[in-house]
């Protein structure tokens, strides 16, 4: 399954993909330090939005 087909399936069952992505990232941050997660996801500490935005 690729990201596009997964997105289509999520929308078909009523799950907004962006909300799911945000929840998944928040769960990751609970399990590991934020800088580690940011680096793994390709974010930079100078360009990533502050928490809650």
N, C-alpha and C. Protein backbone atom coordinates (compact mmCIF):
# COMPACT_ATOMS: atom_id res chain seq x y z
N UNK A 1 0.85 -1.17 0.00
CA UNK A 1 0.00 0.00 0.00
C UNK A 1 0.90 1.23 0.00
N UNK A 2 0.56 2.20 -0.79
CA UNK A 2 1.34 3.43 -0.83
C UNK A 2 0.59 4.55 -0.11
N UNK A 3 1.25 5.66 0.15
CA UNK A 3 0.62 6.75 0.91
C UNK A 3 -0.68 7.28 0.30
N UNK A 4 -0.74 7.34 -1.02
CA UNK A 4 -1.94 7.88 -1.67
C UNK A 4 -3.12 6.93 -1.47
N UNK A 5 -2.91 5.63 -1.69
CA UNK A 5 -4.02 4.69 -1.52
C UNK A 5 -4.44 4.61 -0.05
N UNK A 6 -3.48 4.72 0.86
CA UNK A 6 -3.82 4.73 2.29
C UNK A 6 -4.67 5.95 2.62
N UNK A 7 -4.30 7.09 2.08
CA UNK A 7 -5.07 8.31 2.32
C UNK A 7 -6.50 8.17 1.81
N UNK A 8 -6.65 7.59 0.63
CA UNK A 8 -7.98 7.38 0.06
C UNK A 8 -8.81 6.48 0.97
N UNK A 9 -8.22 5.38 1.43
CA UNK A 9 -8.95 4.46 2.30
C UNK A 9 -9.33 5.12 3.63
N UNK A 10 -8.42 5.90 4.19
CA UNK A 10 -8.74 6.58 5.44
C UNK A 10 -9.91 7.54 5.26
N UNK A 11 -9.89 8.29 4.17
CA UNK A 11 -10.99 9.22 3.91
C UNK A 11 -12.31 8.49 3.70
N UNK A 12 -12.26 7.34 3.03
CA UNK A 12 -13.48 6.56 2.78
C UNK A 12 -14.14 6.10 4.07
N UNK A 13 -13.34 5.82 5.09
CA UNK A 13 -13.92 5.36 6.35
C UNK A 13 -14.10 6.49 7.35
N UNK A 14 -13.82 7.72 6.91
CA UNK A 14 -14.10 8.88 7.74
C UNK A 14 -12.98 9.32 8.67
N UNK A 15 -11.74 8.88 8.40
CA UNK A 15 -10.61 9.30 9.24
C UNK A 15 -9.84 10.39 8.49
N UNK A 16 -9.81 11.61 9.02
CA UNK A 16 -9.04 12.66 8.36
C UNK A 16 -7.54 12.36 8.49
N UNK A 17 -6.82 12.19 7.37
CA UNK A 17 -5.40 11.80 7.41
C UNK A 17 -4.52 12.76 8.21
N UNK A 18 -4.74 14.06 8.09
CA UNK A 18 -3.88 15.01 8.80
C UNK A 18 -4.01 14.85 10.31
N UNK A 19 -5.22 14.64 10.79
CA UNK A 19 -5.43 14.47 12.22
C UNK A 19 -4.73 13.19 12.70
N UNK A 20 -4.80 12.15 11.90
CA UNK A 20 -4.13 10.89 12.25
C UNK A 20 -2.63 11.05 12.28
N UNK A 21 -2.09 11.81 11.34
CA UNK A 21 -0.65 12.05 11.29
C UNK A 21 -0.20 12.83 12.52
N UNK A 22 -0.96 13.85 12.87
CA UNK A 22 -0.63 14.65 14.05
C UNK A 22 -0.66 13.79 15.31
N UNK A 23 -1.66 12.94 15.43
CA UNK A 23 -1.76 12.06 16.60
C UNK A 23 -0.59 11.10 16.65
N UNK A 24 -0.20 10.57 15.51
CA UNK A 24 0.92 9.63 15.46
C UNK A 24 2.22 10.31 15.89
N UNK A 25 2.44 11.54 15.43
CA UNK A 25 3.65 12.27 15.81
C UNK A 25 3.63 12.57 17.31
N UNK A 26 2.49 12.96 17.84
CA UNK A 26 2.40 13.23 19.29
C UNK A 26 2.72 11.97 20.08
N UNK A 27 2.24 10.83 19.63
CA UNK A 27 2.51 9.57 20.32
C UNK A 27 4.01 9.26 20.27
N UNK A 28 4.64 9.51 19.13
CA UNK A 28 6.08 9.29 19.03
C UNK A 28 6.84 10.16 20.03
N UNK A 29 6.42 11.41 20.16
CA UNK A 29 7.12 12.34 21.06
C UNK A 29 7.00 11.88 22.52
N UNK A 30 5.91 11.19 22.84
CA UNK A 30 5.78 10.65 24.19
C UNK A 30 6.75 9.51 24.44
N UNK A 31 7.20 8.86 23.38
CA UNK A 31 8.06 7.69 23.51
C UNK A 31 9.54 8.00 23.33
N UNK A 32 9.87 9.14 22.76
CA UNK A 32 11.26 9.49 22.51
C UNK A 32 11.41 11.01 22.60
N UNK A 33 12.63 11.48 22.83
CA UNK A 33 12.84 12.93 22.90
C UNK A 33 12.47 13.62 21.59
N UNK A 34 11.86 14.78 21.70
CA UNK A 34 11.41 15.53 20.52
C UNK A 34 12.52 15.76 19.49
N UNK A 35 13.76 16.11 19.91
CA UNK A 35 14.80 16.31 18.89
C UNK A 35 15.09 15.05 18.07
N UNK A 36 14.99 13.89 18.69
CA UNK A 36 15.22 12.63 17.97
C UNK A 36 14.13 12.41 16.93
N UNK A 37 12.88 12.65 17.34
CA UNK A 37 11.75 12.49 16.42
C UNK A 37 11.84 13.51 15.29
N UNK A 38 12.16 14.75 15.62
CA UNK A 38 12.27 15.79 14.59
C UNK A 38 13.32 15.42 13.55
N UNK A 39 14.46 14.94 14.00
CA UNK A 39 15.51 14.55 13.06
C UNK A 39 15.05 13.38 12.20
N UNK A 40 14.40 12.40 12.80
CA UNK A 40 13.92 11.24 12.05
C UNK A 40 12.90 11.62 11.00
N UNK A 41 12.10 12.65 11.27
CA UNK A 41 11.06 13.08 10.34
C UNK A 41 11.53 14.16 9.37
N UNK A 42 12.79 14.59 9.53
CA UNK A 42 13.34 15.58 8.62
C UNK A 42 13.05 17.02 8.99
N UNK A 43 12.62 17.25 10.23
CA UNK A 43 12.38 18.62 10.68
C UNK A 43 13.68 19.19 11.24
N UNK A 44 13.79 20.50 11.19
CA UNK A 44 14.94 21.19 11.75
C UNK A 44 14.45 22.04 12.91
N UNK A 45 15.20 22.10 13.98
CA UNK A 45 14.75 22.83 15.17
C UNK A 45 14.53 24.32 14.91
N UNK A 46 15.10 24.87 13.85
CA UNK A 46 14.92 26.29 13.55
C UNK A 46 13.70 26.55 12.66
N UNK A 47 13.15 25.49 12.03
CA UNK A 47 12.03 25.69 11.13
C UNK A 47 10.76 24.98 11.57
N UNK A 48 10.85 24.06 12.51
CA UNK A 48 9.65 23.33 12.98
C UNK A 48 8.80 24.28 13.82
N UNK A 49 7.47 24.19 13.69
CA UNK A 49 6.60 25.06 14.48
C UNK A 49 6.65 24.66 15.96
N UNK A 50 6.46 25.62 16.85
CA UNK A 50 6.45 25.30 18.27
C UNK A 50 5.26 24.41 18.62
N UNK A 51 5.34 23.68 19.72
CA UNK A 51 4.23 22.81 20.12
C UNK A 51 2.93 23.58 20.23
N UNK A 52 1.85 22.94 19.84
CA UNK A 52 0.54 23.55 19.95
C UNK A 52 0.11 24.37 18.74
N UNK A 53 0.95 24.41 17.71
CA UNK A 53 0.59 25.19 16.50
C UNK A 53 0.30 24.29 15.35
